Amino acid sequence: MPKSLYTERHKAIAAAIAEQRRASGLTQVDVAKAMGGNWSQPIIVKIEKGGRRVDLVELLKLADIIGLNVEALIIAIRDIPDE
């Protein structure tokens, strides 16, 4: 499995997070605050631009905040070649 952050699957996840955040009407600042801890707007920017991966626990929390259907996302990216 490649170590690049820029696989097609990773790009699709980043795009889905960004698209759903905008659709939910939340700003990057709103999401960072809702994530709590050391999260900040620049971290959300990095995630949405594909410069930072999210682990499963982070993805689930992000999904709850922005209303992202993780199951649908997994189905959507499952067949994307991960080159």
Protein backbone atom coordinates (compact mmCIF):
# COMPACT_ATOMS: atom_id res chain seq x y z
CA MET A 1 0.00 0.00 0.00
CA PRO A 2 1.40 3.41 -0.93
CA LYS A 3 2.44 5.85 1.77
CA SER A 4 1.47 8.94 -0.22
CA LEU A 5 -1.20 11.22 1.17
CA TYR A 6 -2.31 11.86 -2.37
CA THR A 7 -3.89 8.56 -3.41
CA GLU A 8 -7.20 8.78 -5.22
CA ARG A 9 -8.99 7.33 -2.20
CA HIS A 10 -7.43 9.89 0.10
CA LYS A 11 -8.40 12.70 -2.27
CA ALA A 12 -11.98 11.41 -2.32
CA ILE A 13 -12.16 11.34 1.48
CA ALA A 14 -10.74 14.87 1.76
CA ALA A 15 -13.17 16.14 -0.88
CA ALA A 16 -16.14 14.47 0.83
CA ILE A 17 -15.24 16.05 4.17
CA ALA A 18 -14.89 19.51 2.61
CA GLU A 19 -18.08 19.19 0.56
CA GLN A 20 -20.17 17.97 3.48
CA ARG A 21 -18.80 20.63 5.82
CA ARG A 22 -19.83 23.34 3.35
CA ALA A 23 -23.22 21.68 2.80
CA SER A 24 -23.79 21.61 6.56
CA GLY A 25 -23.23 25.37 6.74
CA LEU A 26 -20.34 25.04 9.15
CA THR A 27 -17.09 26.95 8.88
CA GLN A 28 -13.71 25.35 9.36
CA VAL A 29 -13.48 27.22 12.66
CA ASP A 30 -16.85 25.77 13.76
CA VAL A 31 -15.65 22.25 13.03
CA ALA A 32 -12.31 22.75 14.76
CA LYS A 33 -14.05 24.06 17.88
CA ALA A 34 -16.49 21.14 17.85
CA MET A 35 -13.60 18.69 17.55
CA GLY A 36 -12.13 20.17 20.73
CA GLY A 37 -8.67 19.63 22.15
CA ASN A 38 -5.85 21.04 20.06
CA TRP A 39 -7.87 21.19 16.87
CA SER A 40 -7.69 24.45 14.93
CA GLN A 41 -8.86 25.86 11.61
CA PRO A 42 -5.48 25.18 9.94
CA ILE A 43 -5.85 21.48 10.77
CA ILE A 44 -9.23 21.40 9.02
CA VAL A 45 -7.67 23.17 6.02
CA LYS A 46 -4.92 20.54 5.85
CA ILE A 47 -7.45 17.72 6.01
CA GLU A 48 -9.67 19.25 3.31
CA LYS A 49 -6.69 19.91 1.03
CA GLY A 50 -5.33 16.41 1.54
CA GLY A 51 -2.27 17.43 3.53
CA ARG A 52 -3.27 15.55 6.67
CA ARG A 53 -4.87 12.15 7.02
CA VAL A 54 -7.58 11.46 9.56
CA ASP A 55 -7.71 8.25 11.52
CA LEU A 56 -10.93 6.32 11.93
CA VAL A 57 -11.80 7.80 15.32
CA GLU A 58 -11.25 11.34 13.99
CA LEU A 59 -13.30 10.56 10.88
CA LEU A 60 -16.21 9.30 12.96
CA LYS A 61 -16.19 12.45 15.11
CA LEU A 62 -15.88 14.71 12.07
CA ALA A 63 -18.72 12.82 10.41
CA ASP A 64 -20.98 13.35 13.42
CA ILE A 65 -20.21 17.07 13.43
CA ILE A 66 -20.74 17.70 9.72
CA GLY A 67 -23.37 15.05 9.04
CA LEU A 68 -21.21 12.87 6.79
CA ASN A 69 -22.45 9.33 6.15
CA VAL A 70 -19.28 7.29 6.70
CA GLU A 71 -20.85 4.09 5.44
CA ALA A 72 -21.81 5.73 2.15
CA LEU A 73 -18.32 7.23 1.87
CA ILE A 74 -16.71 3.82 2.31
CA ILE A 75 -18.95 2.31 -0.35
CA ALA A 76 -18.19 5.22 -2.69
CA ILE A 77 -14.40 4.91 -2.37
CA ARG A 78 -14.19 1.14 -2.15
CA ASP A 79 -13.74 0.63 -5.87
CA ILE A 80 -11.35 3.54 -6.43
CA PRO A 81 -7.92 2.10 -7.20
CA ASP A 82 -5.53 3.06 -4.42
CA GLU A 83 -2.43 3.66 -6.48
